C-alpha atoms as a PDB file:
ATOM      1  CA  MET A   1     -88.306 -37.808-151.338  1.00  0.00           C
ATOM      2  CA  ASN A   2     -84.972 -38.341-150.075  1.00  0.00           C
ATOM      3  CA  ILE A   3     -84.350 -39.631-146.321  1.00  0.00           C
ATOM      4  CA  SER A   4     -84.663 -36.503-144.738  1.00  0.00           C
ATOM      5  CA  GLU A   5     -87.468 -35.642-146.347  1.00  0.00           C
ATOM      6  CA  PHE A   6     -89.444 -39.172-145.530  1.00  0.00           C
ATOM      7  CA  ILE A   7     -88.449 -38.189-142.194  1.00  0.00           C
ATOM      8  CA  ARG A   8     -90.040 -35.072-141.757  1.00  0.00           C
ATOM      9  CA  HIS A   9     -93.125 -36.326-143.380  1.00  0.00           C
ATOM     10  CA  HIS A  10     -93.503 -39.699-141.383  1.00  0.00           C
ATOM     11  CA  TYR A  11     -91.571 -39.494-138.343  1.00  0.00           C
ATOM     12  CA  ARG A  12     -94.294 -37.894-136.238  1.00  0.00           C
ATOM     13  CA  HIS A  13     -94.818 -40.061-133.076  1.00  0.00           C
ATOM     14  CA  PHE A  14     -93.504 -42.021-130.048  1.00  0.00           C
ATOM     15  CA  ASN A  15     -89.801 -43.285-130.992  1.00  0.00           C
ATOM     16  CA  ALA A  16     -89.999 -41.967-134.257  1.00  0.00           C
ATOM     17  CA  ALA A  17     -90.731 -38.438-133.466  1.00  0.00           C
ATOM     18  CA  VAL A  18     -88.215 -38.750-130.811  1.00  0.00           C
ATOM     19  CA  LEU A  19     -85.796 -39.284-133.918  1.00  0.00           C
ATOM     20  CA  PHE A  20     -86.752 -36.767-135.577  1.00  0.00           C
ATOM     21  CA  GLY A  21     -86.452 -34.496-132.611  1.00  0.00           C
ATOM     22  CA  ALA A  22     -82.986 -35.815-131.476  1.00  0.00           C
ATOM     23  CA  ALA A  23     -81.959 -35.633-135.214  1.00  0.00           C
ATOM     24  CA  GLU A  24     -83.000 -31.591-135.659  1.00  0.00           C
ATOM     25  CA  ALA A  25     -81.468 -30.819-132.158  1.00  0.00           C
ATOM     26  CA  TYR A  26     -78.320 -32.442-133.367  1.00  0.00           C
ATOM     27  CA  LYS A  27     -78.181 -30.560-136.371  1.00  0.00           C
ATOM     28  CA  ALA A  28     -79.257 -27.053-134.001  1.00  0.00           C
ATOM     29  CA  HIS A  29     -76.469 -28.233-131.570  1.00  0.00           C
ATOM     30  CA  LEU A  30     -73.398 -27.892-134.372  1.00  0.00           C
ATOM     31  CA  ASN A  31     -75.078 -25.079-136.304  1.00  0.00           C
ATOM     32  CA  ALA A  32     -74.625 -23.027-132.746  1.00  0.00           C
ATOM     33  CA  GLY A  33     -71.144 -23.900-132.970  1.00  0.00           C
ATOM     34  CA  GLY A  34     -71.348 -26.828-130.146  1.00  0.00           C
ATOM     35  CA  LYS A  35     -68.639 -29.838-130.774  1.00  0.00           C
ATOM     36  CA  MET A  36     -70.396 -33.851-130.906  1.00  0.00           C
ATOM     37  CA  MET A  37     -69.016 -37.001-129.298  1.00  0.00           C
ATOM     38  CA  VAL A  38     -70.413 -40.017-130.214  1.00  0.00           C
ATOM     39  CA  ALA A  39     -70.268 -42.976-127.837  1.00  0.00           C
ATOM     40  CA  LEU A  40     -70.182 -46.547-129.685  1.00  0.00           C
ATOM     41  CA  GLY A  41     -71.401 -49.769-127.434  1.00  0.00           C
ATOM     42  CA  GLY A  42     -72.277 -53.159-128.616  1.00  0.00           C
ATOM     43  CA  ALA A  43     -70.998 -54.355-132.132  1.00  0.00           C
ATOM     44  CA  MET A  44     -71.944 -50.992-134.093  1.00  0.00           C
ATOM     45  CA  SER A  45     -68.671 -51.633-136.479  1.00  0.00           C
ATOM     46  CA  THR A  46     -69.333 -55.564-137.154  1.00  0.00           C
ATOM     47  CA  ALA A  47     -73.256 -54.321-138.132  1.00  0.00           C
ATOM     48  CA  GLU A  48     -71.281 -51.823-140.452  1.00  0.00           C
ATOM     49  CA  LEU A  49     -72.201 -48.288-139.199  1.00  0.00           C
ATOM     50  CA  GLY A  50     -69.015 -47.484-140.563  1.00  0.00           C
ATOM     51  CA  LEU A  51     -70.975 -47.093-143.929  1.00  0.00           C
ATOM     52  CA  SER A  52     -72.558 -43.439-142.454  1.00  0.00           C
ATOM     53  CA  LEU A  53     -70.555 -42.799-139.415  1.00  0.00           C
ATOM     54  CA  ALA A  54     -67.068 -42.322-141.611  1.00  0.00           C
ATOM     55  CA  GLU A  55     -68.772 -40.079-144.095  1.00  0.00           C
ATOM     56  CA  MET A  56     -70.222 -37.806-140.569  1.00  0.00           C
ATOM     57  CA  ILE A  57     -66.690 -37.826-139.409  1.00  0.00           C
ATOM     58  CA  ARG A  58     -65.465 -36.204-142.811  1.00  0.00           C
ATOM     59  CA  GLN A  59     -68.150 -33.870-143.091  1.00  0.00           C
ATOM     60  CA  ASP A  60     -66.817 -32.596-139.356  1.00  0.00           C
ATOM     61  CA  GLN A  61     -69.905 -33.964-138.071  1.00  0.00           C
ATOM     62  CA  VAL A  62     -68.708 -35.726-135.167  1.00  0.00           C
ATOM     63  CA  HIS A  63     -65.286 -34.379-133.440  1.00  0.00           C
ATOM     64  CA  ALA A  64     -64.299 -37.076-130.771  1.00  0.00           C
ATOM     65  CA  ILE A  65     -65.522 -40.897-130.374  1.00  0.00           C
ATOM     66  CA  SER A  66     -65.626 -43.249-127.376  1.00  0.00           C
ATOM     67  CA  CYS A  67     -65.819 -47.138-128.283  1.00  0.00           C
ATOM     68  CA  THR A  68     -64.949 -50.438-126.781  1.00  0.00           C
ATOM     69  CA  GLY A  69     -61.927 -52.034-128.259  1.00  0.00           C
ATOM     70  CA  ALA A  70     -63.963 -54.403-129.926  1.00  0.00           C
ATOM     71  CA  ASN A  71     -65.498 -51.455-132.485  1.00  0.00           C
ATOM     72  CA  LEU A  72     -61.945 -50.429-132.823  1.00  0.00           C
ATOM     73  CA  GLU A  73     -60.626 -53.836-134.386  1.00  0.00           C
ATOM     74  CA  GLU A  74     -64.074 -54.879-135.595  1.00  0.00           C
ATOM     75  CA  ASP A  75     -63.826 -52.163-138.088  1.00  0.00           C
ATOM     76  CA  VAL A  76     -60.469 -52.721-139.290  1.00  0.00           C
ATOM     77  CA  LEU A  77     -61.423 -56.089-139.133  1.00  0.00           C
ATOM     78  CA  ASN A  78     -64.169 -55.563-141.931  1.00  0.00           C
ATOM     79  CA  LEU A  79     -61.642 -53.736-143.908  1.00  0.00           C
ATOM     80  CA  LEU A  80     -59.251 -56.372-144.466  1.00  0.00           C
ATOM     81  CA  ALA A  81     -61.926 -59.450-144.853  1.00  0.00           C
ATOM     82  CA  HIS A  82     -65.241 -58.300-145.625  1.00  0.00           C
ATOM     83  CA  ASN A  83     -65.238 -60.884-148.463  1.00  0.00           C
ATOM     84  CA  GLU A  84     -64.252 -63.583-146.177  1.00  0.00           C
ATOM     85  CA  TYR A  85     -67.396 -63.140-143.324  1.00  0.00           C
ATOM     86  CA  ALA A  86     -70.181 -65.604-143.438  1.00  0.00           C
ATOM     87  CA  ARG A  87     -73.765 -64.404-142.688  1.00  0.00           C
ATOM     88  CA  ILE A  88     -76.072 -66.686-140.630  1.00  0.00           C
ATOM     89  CA  SER A  89     -79.977 -65.731-141.560  1.00  0.00           C
ATOM     90  CA  ASN A  90     -81.371 -68.117-139.033  1.00  0.00           C
ATOM     91  CA  TRP A  91     -78.811 -66.963-135.790  1.00  0.00           C
ATOM     92  CA  ARG A  92     -81.524 -66.902-133.415  1.00  0.00           C
ATOM     93  CA  GLU A  93     -82.188 -70.391-133.637  1.00  0.00           C
ATOM     94  CA  LEU A  94     -78.365 -72.118-133.750  1.00  0.00           C
ATOM     95  CA  SER A  95     -78.182 -75.284-131.433  1.00  0.00           C
ATOM     96  CA  ARG A  96     -75.347 -75.958-129.263  1.00  0.00           C
ATOM     97  CA  SER A  97     -73.680 -78.223-132.193  1.00  0.00           C
ATOM     98  CA  GLU A  98     -74.036 -75.679-134.843  1.00  0.00           C
ATOM     99  CA  GLU A  99     -72.333 -73.073-132.676  1.00  0.00           C
ATOM    100  CA  GLN A 100     -69.517 -75.906-132.221  1.00  0.00           C
ATOM    101  CA  ALA A 101     -69.222 -76.510-135.790  1.00  0.00           C
ATOM    102  CA  LEU A 102     -68.726 -72.560-136.502  1.00  0.00           C
ATOM    103  CA  TYR A 103     -65.663 -72.564-133.672  1.00  0.00           C
ATOM    104  CA  ASP A 104     -64.081 -75.733-135.048  1.00  0.00           C
ATOM    105  CA  ARG A 105     -64.435 -73.086-138.773  1.00  0.00           C
ATOM    106  CA  ARG A 106     -62.196 -70.724-136.664  1.00  0.00           C
ATOM    107  CA  MET A 107     -65.685 -68.372-137.541  1.00  0.00           C
ATOM    108  CA  ASN A 108     -66.029 -66.007-134.387  1.00  0.00           C
ATOM    109  CA  ARG A 109     -70.274 -64.988-134.209  1.00  0.00           C
ATOM    110  CA  VAL A 110     -71.250 -61.467-133.863  1.00  0.00           C
ATOM    111  CA  MET A 111     -75.201 -61.724-133.516  1.00  0.00           C
ATOM    112  CA  ASP A 112     -75.557 -62.694-137.583  1.00  0.00           C
ATOM    113  CA  THR A 113     -72.266 -62.107-138.635  1.00  0.00           C
ATOM    114  CA  CYS A 114     -68.918 -64.699-138.356  1.00  0.00           C
ATOM    115  CA  ILE A 115     -65.665 -62.990-138.379  1.00  0.00           C
ATOM    116  CA  PRO A 116     -62.775 -65.774-139.593  1.00  0.00           C
ATOM    117  CA  GLU A 117     -60.101 -65.820-137.220  1.00  0.00           C
ATOM    118  CA  GLU A 118     -57.472 -65.525-140.293  1.00  0.00           C
ATOM    119  CA  ALA A 119     -58.497 -61.828-140.359  1.00  0.00           C
ATOM    120  CA  MET A 120     -57.678 -61.211-136.496  1.00  0.00           C
ATOM    121  CA  ARG A 121     -54.138 -62.715-137.139  1.00  0.00           C
ATOM    122  CA  ARG A 122     -53.573 -60.603-139.766  1.00  0.00           C
ATOM    123  CA  LEU A 123     -54.494 -57.443-137.968  1.00  0.00           C
ATOM    124  CA  GLU A 124     -52.788 -59.375-134.930  1.00  0.00           C
ATOM    125  CA  ASP A 125     -49.336 -59.674-136.542  1.00  0.00           C
ATOM    126  CA  ALA A 126     -49.415 -55.754-137.160  1.00  0.00           C
ATOM    127  CA  VAL A 127     -50.285 -55.026-134.325  1.00  0.00           C
ATOM    128  CA  LEU A 128     -47.148 -57.132-132.277  1.00  0.00           C
ATOM    129  CA  GLU A 129     -44.983 -55.183-134.830  1.00  0.00           C
ATOM    130  CA  GLU A 130     -45.671 -51.770-134.276  1.00  0.00           C
ATOM    131  CA  CYS A 131     -45.665 -52.781-130.557  1.00  0.00           C
ATOM    132  CA  ILE A 132     -42.487 -54.604-130.592  1.00  0.00           C
ATOM    133  CA  ALA A 133     -40.864 -51.542-132.507  1.00  0.00           C
ATOM    134  CA  ALA A 134     -42.328 -49.142-129.910  1.00  0.00           C
ATOM    135  CA  ASP A 135     -41.055 -51.337-127.068  1.00  0.00           C
ATOM    136  CA  ARG A 136     -37.778 -51.161-127.957  1.00  0.00           C
ATOM    137  CA  ALA A 137     -37.844 -47.838-129.205  1.00  0.00           C
ATOM    138  CA  GLY A 138     -39.249 -46.600-125.577  1.00  0.00           C
ATOM    139  CA  GLU A 139     -42.246 -45.036-127.195  1.00  0.00           C
ATOM    140  CA  ARG A 140     -45.573 -45.358-125.564  1.00  0.00           C
ATOM    141  CA  PHE A 141     -48.859 -44.478-127.364  1.00  0.00           C
ATOM    142  CA  PHE A 142     -52.437 -45.089-127.355  1.00  0.00           C
ATOM    143  CA  PRO A 143     -54.666 -47.947-128.809  1.00  0.00           C
ATOM    144  CA  HIS A 144     -56.216 -45.676-131.080  1.00  0.00           C
ATOM    145  CA  GLU A 145     -52.506 -44.006-132.076  1.00  0.00           C
ATOM    146  CA  LEU A 146     -51.500 -47.738-132.532  1.00  0.00           C
ATOM    147  CA  PHE A 147     -54.306 -48.165-134.870  1.00  0.00           C
ATOM    148  CA  TYR A 148     -53.834 -45.235-136.613  1.00  0.00           C
ATOM    149  CA  ARG A 149     -50.702 -46.000-137.592  1.00  0.00           C
ATOM    150  CA  ILE A 150     -51.122 -49.183-139.280  1.00  0.00           C
ATOM    151  CA  LEU A 151     -53.744 -47.804-140.993  1.00  0.00           C
ATOM    152  CA  LEU A 152     -51.519 -44.637-142.469  1.00  0.00           C
ATOM    153  CA  SER A 153     -48.799 -46.423-142.988  1.00  0.00           C
ATOM    154  CA  GLY A 154     -50.260 -48.756-145.823  1.00  0.00           C
ATOM    155  CA  THR A 155     -48.746 -52.214-144.346  1.00  0.00           C
ATOM    156  CA  LEU A 156     -52.292 -53.250-144.342  1.00  0.00           C
ATOM    157  CA  GLN A 157     -53.494 -51.859-147.991  1.00  0.00           C
ATOM    158  CA  ARG A 158     -52.981 -55.491-150.064  1.00  0.00           C
ATOM    159  CA  HIS A 159     -55.727 -56.749-147.866  1.00  0.00           C
ATOM    160  CA  TYR A 160     -58.418 -54.333-148.158  1.00  0.00           C
ATOM    161  CA  GLN A 161     -61.421 -55.896-149.284  1.00  0.00           C
ATOM    162  CA  ILE A 162     -63.827 -52.767-149.327  1.00  0.00           C
ATOM    163  CA  ASP A 163     -63.551 -49.158-150.195  1.00  0.00           C
ATOM    164  CA  PRO A 164     -61.536 -48.012-147.052  1.00  0.00           C
ATOM    165  CA  LYS A 165     -63.910 -45.255-147.578  1.00  0.00           C
ATOM    166  CA  ASP A 166     -66.731 -47.153-145.386  1.00  0.00           C
ATOM    167  CA  SER A 167     -64.306 -48.132-142.760  1.00  0.00           C
ATOM    168  CA  TRP A 168     -64.829 -45.010-140.140  1.00  0.00           C
ATOM    169  CA  VAL A 169     -61.362 -45.728-138.135  1.00  0.00           C
ATOM    170  CA  MET A 170     -59.981 -44.870-141.184  1.00  0.00           C
ATOM    171  CA  ALA A 171     -61.803 -41.795-141.755  1.00  0.00           C
ATOM    172  CA  ALA A 172     -60.726 -41.232-137.997  1.00  0.00           C
ATOM    173  CA  ALA A 173     -57.468 -41.730-138.501  1.00  0.00           C
ATOM    174  CA  GLN A 174     -57.147 -39.344-141.400  1.00  0.00           C
ATOM    175  CA  ARG A 175     -58.434 -36.434-139.637  1.00  0.00           C
ATOM    176  CA  ARG A 176     -56.627 -37.286-136.500  1.00  0.00           C
ATOM    177  CA  LEU A 177     -60.114 -37.441-134.424  1.00  0.00           C
ATOM    178  CA  PRO A 178     -59.524 -37.826-130.797  1.00  0.00           C
ATOM    179  CA  LEU A 179     -60.621 -40.947-129.946  1.00  0.00           C
ATOM    180  CA  VAL A 180     -61.086 -42.540-126.180  1.00  0.00           C
ATOM    181  CA  ILE A 181     -60.749 -46.781-125.786  1.00  0.00           C
ATOM    182  CA  PRO A 182     -62.091 -47.260-122.026  1.00  0.00           C
ATOM    183  CA  GLY A 183     -61.175 -51.307-121.398  1.00  0.00           C
ATOM    184  CA  TRP A 184     -59.230 -51.430-124.464  1.00  0.00           C
ATOM    185  CA  GLU A 185     -57.656 -54.764-122.856  1.00  0.00           C
ATOM    186  CA  ASP A 186     -61.468 -56.378-123.395  1.00  0.00           C
ATOM    187  CA  SER A 187     -60.680 -57.145-126.835  1.00  0.00           C
ATOM    188  CA  THR A 188     -59.251 -59.421-129.225  1.00  0.00           C
ATOM    189  CA  VAL A 189     -56.529 -57.532-129.955  1.00  0.00           C
ATOM    190  CA  GLY A 190     -55.795 -56.363-126.294  1.00  0.00           C
ATOM    191  CA  ASN A 191     -56.103 -60.321-125.054  1.00  0.00           C
ATOM    192  CA  CYS A 192     -53.351 -61.045-127.509  1.00  0.00           C
ATOM    193  CA  TYR A 193     -51.485 -58.222-126.297  1.00  0.00           C
ATOM    194  CA  ALA A 194     -51.758 -59.771-123.257  1.00  0.00           C
ATOM    195  CA  ALA A 195     -50.685 -63.153-124.400  1.00  0.00           C
ATOM    196  CA  ARG A 196     -47.624 -61.708-125.932  1.00  0.00           C
ATOM    197  CA  SER A 197     -46.310 -59.890-123.031  1.00  0.00           C
ATOM    198  CA  ILE A 198     -46.302 -63.091-121.056  1.00  0.00           C
ATOM    199  CA  GLN A 199     -44.531 -64.745-123.284  1.00  0.00           C
ATOM    200  CA  GLY A 200     -41.990 -62.000-123.411  1.00  0.00           C
ATOM    201  CA  HIS A 201     -42.256 -60.177-126.888  1.00  0.00           C
ATOM    202  CA  LEU A 202     -42.975 -57.249-125.260  1.00  0.00           C
ATOM    203  CA  ASN A 203     -40.650 -56.060-121.930  1.00  0.00           C
ATOM    204  CA  ASN A 204     -43.087 -52.951-121.126  1.00  0.00           C
ATOM    205  CA  VAL A 205     -46.636 -53.769-120.554  1.00  0.00           C
ATOM    206  CA  HIS A 206     -47.281 -49.990-121.014  1.00  0.00           C
ATOM    207  CA  THR A 207     -46.290 -49.284-123.936  1.00  0.00           C
ATOM    208  CA  LEU A 208     -49.678 -49.077-124.985  1.00  0.00           C
ATOM    209  CA  ARG A 209     -50.984 -46.273-122.445  1.00  0.00           C
ATOM    210  CA  THR A 210     -54.009 -46.970-120.177  1.00  0.00           C
ATOM    211  CA  GLY A 211     -57.391 -46.377-119.296  1.00  0.00           C
ATOM    212  CA  ILE A 212     -56.573 -43.309-116.606  1.00  0.00           C
ATOM    213  CA  GLU A 213     -54.516 -41.778-119.375  1.00  0.00           C
ATOM    214  CA  TYR A 214     -57.473 -41.724-121.162  1.00  0.00           C
ATOM    215  CA  MET A 215     -59.719 -39.747-119.153  1.00  0.00           C
ATOM    216  CA  ILE A 216     -56.436 -37.494-118.615  1.00  0.00           C
ATOM    217  CA  GLU A 217     -56.455 -36.811-122.265  1.00  0.00           C
ATOM    218  CA  LEU A 218     -60.431 -36.400-122.483  1.00  0.00           C
ATOM    219  CA  ALA A 219     -60.499 -34.107-119.627  1.00  0.00           C
ATOM    220  CA  ASP A 220     -57.887 -31.656-121.778  1.00  0.00           C
ATOM    221  CA  TRP A 221     -60.166 -32.105-124.647  1.00  0.00           C
ATOM    222  CA  TYR A 222     -63.527 -31.762-123.713  1.00  0.00           C
ATOM    223  CA  SER A 223     -61.619 -28.208-121.158  1.00  0.00           C
ATOM    224  CA  LYS A 224     -60.682 -26.647-124.726  1.00  0.00           C
ATOM    225  CA  ASN A 225     -63.695 -27.317-126.422  1.00  0.00           C
ATOM    226  CA  ALA A 226     -66.583 -26.930-123.842  1.00  0.00           C
ATOM    227  CA  LYS A 227     -67.941 -23.527-124.295  1.00  0.00           C
ATOM    228  CA  THR A 228     -71.053 -22.020-123.720  1.00  0.00           C
ATOM    229  CA  ILE A 229     -73.601 -21.544-126.483  1.00  0.00           C
ATOM    230  CA  HIS A 230     -77.110 -20.590-126.704  1.00  0.00           C
ATOM    231  CA  ILE A 231     -79.090 -23.110-128.543  1.00  0.00           C
ATOM    232  CA  SER A 232     -82.913 -22.179-130.386  1.00  0.00           C
ATOM    233  CA  SER A 233     -85.721 -24.604-131.290  1.00  0.00           C
ATOM    234  CA  PRO A 234     -84.593 -26.239-134.453  1.00  0.00           C
ATOM    235  CA  PRO A 235     -87.016 -25.168-137.252  1.00  0.00           C
ATOM    236  CA  GLY A 236     -89.966 -28.493-137.531  1.00  0.00           C
ATOM    237  CA  ASP A 237     -88.743 -29.327-134.004  1.00  0.00           C
ATOM    238  CA  ARG A 238     -92.339 -31.027-133.076  1.00  0.00           C
ATOM    239  CA  SER A 239     -90.001 -32.910-129.803  1.00  0.00           C
ATOM    240  CA  GLY A 240     -91.467 -30.810-127.089  1.00  0.00           C
ATOM    241  CA  GLU A 241     -87.609 -31.218-125.110  1.00  0.00           C
ATOM    242  CA  PRO A 242     -86.133 -28.195-123.343  1.00  0.00           C
ATOM    243  CA  VAL A 243     -83.498 -26.183-125.792  1.00  0.00           C
ATOM    244  CA  GLY A 244     -81.324 -24.274-123.808  1.00  0.00           C
ATOM    245  CA  VAL A 245     -77.713 -23.636-122.790  1.00  0.00           C
ATOM    246  CA  GLY A 246     -75.235 -26.262-124.106  1.00  0.00           C
ATOM    247  CA  SER A 247     -71.150 -27.011-124.651  1.00  0.00           C
ATOM    248  CA  VAL A 248     -70.073 -30.754-125.813  1.00  0.00           C
ATOM    249  CA  GLY A 249     -73.235 -32.436-127.141  1.00  0.00           C
ATOM    250  CA  PHE A 250     -72.800 -36.675-126.408  1.00  0.00           C
ATOM    251  CA  LEU A 251     -74.368 -39.209-128.587  1.00  0.00           C
ATOM    252  CA  GLN A 252     -74.641 -42.490-127.052  1.00  0.00           C
ATOM    253  CA  VAL A 253     -75.287 -45.915-129.191  1.00  0.00           C
ATOM    254  CA  GLY A 254     -76.017 -48.792-126.672  1.00  0.00           C
ATOM    255  CA  GLY A 255     -74.520 -48.697-123.209  1.00  0.00           C
ATOM    256  CA  GLY A 256     -71.733 -50.188-121.363  1.00  0.00           C
ATOM    257  CA  ILE A 257     -68.178 -48.663-121.035  1.00  0.00           C
ATOM    258  CA  ALA A 258     -67.941 -46.674-123.897  1.00  0.00           C
ATOM    259  CA  GLY A 259     -70.662 -44.480-122.635  1.00  0.00           C
ATOM    260  CA  ASP A 260     -70.589 -44.347-119.238  1.00  0.00           C
ATOM    261  CA  PHE A 261     -66.418 -43.839-119.237  1.00  0.00           C
ATOM    262  CA  PRO A 262     -66.317 -40.345-120.989  1.00  0.00           C
ATOM    263  CA  ILE A 263     -69.851 -38.528-120.014  1.00  0.00           C
ATOM    264  CA  CYS A 264     -67.930 -39.153-116.591  1.00  0.00           C
ATOM    265  CA  VAL A 265     -65.637 -36.379-117.104  1.00  0.00           C
ATOM    266  CA  VAL A 266     -67.858 -33.538-116.636  1.00  0.00           C
ATOM    267  CA  PRO A 267     -68.639 -34.271-112.999  1.00  0.00           C
ATOM    268  CA  MET A 268     -64.852 -35.329-112.519  1.00  0.00           C
ATOM    269  CA  LEU A 269     -63.959 -31.991-113.959  1.00  0.00           C
ATOM    270  CA  ARG A 270     -66.387 -30.179-111.716  1.00  0.00           C
ATOM    271  CA  GLN A 271     -66.959 -32.308-108.423  1.00  0.00           C
ATOM    272  CA  SER A 272     -63.304 -33.877-108.105  1.00  0.00           C
ATOM    273  CA  ILE A 273     -61.405 -30.887-109.414  1.00  0.00           C
ATOM    274  CA  GLY A 274     -63.439 -28.101-108.600  1.00  0.00           C
ATOM    275  CA  ARG A 275     -63.762 -26.601-111.981  1.00  0.00           C
ATOM    276  CA  THR A 276     -67.650 -25.756-111.372  1.00  0.00           C
ATOM    277  CA  ASN A 277     -67.751 -22.926-114.399  1.00  0.00           C
ATOM    278  CA  LEU A 278     -67.001 -25.493-116.732  1.00  0.00           C
ATOM    279  CA  PRO A 279     -70.133 -26.142-118.756  1.00  0.00           C
ATOM    280  CA  LEU A 280     -72.218 -29.608-118.256  1.00  0.00           C
ATOM    281  CA  TRP A 281     -72.592 -31.718-121.458  1.00  0.00           C
ATOM    282  CA  GLY A 282     -75.215 -29.469-123.519  1.00  0.00           C
ATOM    283  CA  TYR A 283     -77.078 -32.309-125.731  1.00  0.00           C
ATOM    284  CA  PHE A 284     -77.821 -35.977-125.078  1.00  0.00           C
ATOM    285  CA  CYS A 285     -79.286 -38.674-126.771  1.00  0.00           C
ATOM    286  CA  GLN A 286     -79.102 -42.313-126.561  1.00  0.00           C
ATOM    287  CA  VAL A 287     -80.058 -45.250-128.747  1.00  0.00           C
ATOM    288  CA  SER A 288     -80.532 -48.073-126.676  1.00  0.00           C
ATOM    289  CA  ASP A 289     -82.703 -51.096-126.717  1.00  0.00           C
ATOM    290  CA  ALA A 290     -82.110 -52.032-123.274  1.00  0.00           C
ATOM    291  CA  PRO A 291     -85.580 -51.861-121.183  1.00  0.00           C
ATOM    292  CA  THR A 292     -85.914 -48.540-119.161  1.00  0.00           C
ATOM    293  CA  SER A 293     -84.086 -49.363-115.637  1.00  0.00           C
ATOM    294  CA  TYR A 294     -82.793 -47.311-112.937  1.00  0.00           C
ATOM    295  CA  GLY A 295     -80.523 -50.153-111.871  1.00  0.00           C
ATOM    296  CA  GLY A 296     -78.116 -50.490-114.666  1.00  0.00           C
ATOM    297  CA  TYR A 297     -76.682 -47.898-116.744  1.00  0.00           C
ATOM    298  CA  SER A 298     -77.462 -48.704-120.404  1.00  0.00           C
ATOM    299  CA  GLY A 299     -81.474 -48.481-119.212  1.00  0.00           C
ATOM    300  CA  ALA A 300     -81.143 -45.301-117.502  1.00  0.00           C
ATOM    301  CA  VAL A 301     -83.252 -42.506-118.678  1.00  0.00           C
ATOM    302  CA  PRO A 302     -81.340 -38.935-119.527  1.00  0.00           C
ATOM    303  CA  ASN A 303     -83.105 -37.512-115.844  1.00  0.00           C
ATOM    304  CA  GLU A 304     -81.047 -39.541-114.050  1.00  0.00           C
ATOM    305  CA  LYS A 305     -77.739 -38.111-115.226  1.00  0.00           C
ATOM    306  CA  ILE A 306     -78.935 -34.872-113.939  1.00  0.00           C
ATOM    307  CA  THR A 307     -78.505 -36.378-110.335  1.00  0.00           C
ATOM    308  CA  TRP A 308     -74.951 -36.748-111.268  1.00  0.00           C
ATOM    309  CA  GLY A 309     -73.803 -33.859-112.471  1.00  0.00           C
ATOM    310  CA  LYS A 310     -73.771 -34.897-116.203  1.00  0.00           C
ATOM    311  CA  LEU A 311     -76.259 -33.073-117.731  1.00  0.00           C
ATOM    312  CA  GLY A 312     -78.186 -30.101-116.363  1.00  0.00           C
ATOM    313  CA  ILE A 313     -82.363 -29.427-116.470  1.00  0.00           C
ATOM    314  CA  GLU A 314     -82.206 -27.299-119.984  1.00  0.00           C
ATOM    315  CA  THR A 315     -80.436 -29.908-121.903  1.00  0.00           C
ATOM    316  CA  PRO A 316     -81.935 -31.130-124.678  1.00  0.00           C
ATOM    317  CA  SER A 317     -82.000 -35.030-123.991  1.00  0.00           C
ATOM    318  CA  PHE A 318     -83.531 -37.665-125.716  1.00  0.00           C
ATOM    319  CA  MET A 319     -83.764 -41.607-125.374  1.00  0.00           C
ATOM    320  CA  ILE A 320     -84.666 -43.684-128.714  1.00  0.00           C
ATOM    321  CA  GLU A 321     -85.545 -46.640-127.377  1.00  0.00           C
ATOM    322  CA  SER A 322     -85.008 -49.198-130.478  1.00  0.00           C
ATOM    323  CA  ASP A 323     -82.189 -50.982-132.673  1.00  0.00           C
ATOM    324  CA  ALA A 324     -79.358 -48.992-133.096  1.00  0.00           C
ATOM    325  CA  THR A 325     -78.696 -51.033-136.355  1.00  0.00           C
ATOM    326  CA  ILE A 326     -82.000 -49.101-137.806  1.00  0.00           C
ATOM    327  CA  VAL A 327     -81.837 -45.522-135.700  1.00  0.00           C
ATOM    328  CA  VAL A 328     -78.422 -44.521-136.117  1.00  0.00           C
ATOM    329  CA  PRO A 329     -77.930 -44.558-139.654  1.00  0.00           C
ATOM    330  CA  LEU A 330     -81.263 -43.038-140.337  1.00  0.00           C
ATOM    331  CA  LEU A 331     -80.233 -39.764-137.506  1.00  0.00           C
ATOM    332  CA  PHE A 332     -77.115 -39.893-139.245  1.00  0.00           C
ATOM    333  CA  ALA A 333     -78.408 -39.371-142.959  1.00  0.00           C
ATOM    334  CA  TYR A 334     -80.688 -36.827-141.563  1.00  0.00           C
ATOM    335  CA  VAL A 335     -77.824 -34.970-140.388  1.00  0.00           C
ATOM    336  CA  LEU A 336     -76.012 -35.007-143.743  1.00  0.00           C
ATOM    337  CA  GLY A 337     -78.952 -33.854-145.577  1.00  0.00           C
ATOM    338  CA  TRP A 338     -78.829 -37.152-147.394  1.00  0.00           C
END
């Protein structure tokens, strides 16, 4: 029994049934000709989601990604220094003294995983070299384009410690996948970029393009890819969710700016620019362990997004309340037919 067969047979109720319904609807959306954006919050790259996400990219099951600056850089850090990472099995029980000891070793902890500072320096050096050259040449590009340049140039290849096929950023670079990195400066490399600007190594702080420019680019991408598609109920669907008219789909892993920034492009285009004929998001699934709440974005149920002009009443919508590190690889495996 493969993974897909296991899910079809065993995932019949509660969050398991929602996962099955979301996976079926994801496939139905793509089969109808729709595109899919994935939003990555949390620490999904350090959780090595690239093991499945990279294949989703290669198989044309993901067409754009919005992620935090941390997820962008941490996938590459894993590529450069995986064997030097330290896994902490009792991470929930660490004392302050034990945390200080990790700091003294220059091991930066993300949940159960410690990232060596040396890996960050390798990436920082490559970033700084590329940015200084672009600054002197009067060039400007987005943060993800910077990472694409570095990876595709091969300058870091001697540092690789995992198979590059397991890096989702490498897969995205090879396909020139559209990326949106809102709030990129809230990352280690972003902080280093600011530090080098303060020190005078960079003359133009805008050598790397900004969040507003990302929104403009995203608006153009959505406008080109949003089309009305009619989705029929997928075979074997047990979700009971509405099935209707859609366009570009949205899979949100976690919450925060990685999800809230890109999903707002639709009401921006429709309400602020007046393009009322532009389709709403045509599929929505959020995987989150945040408590259901109407006071915060991460815990808001999908129906609340109807009031903001992001989703419609016919949009197939799912909220899987579980750990994304468990759920998302299963969802991807089902879509890939594993």
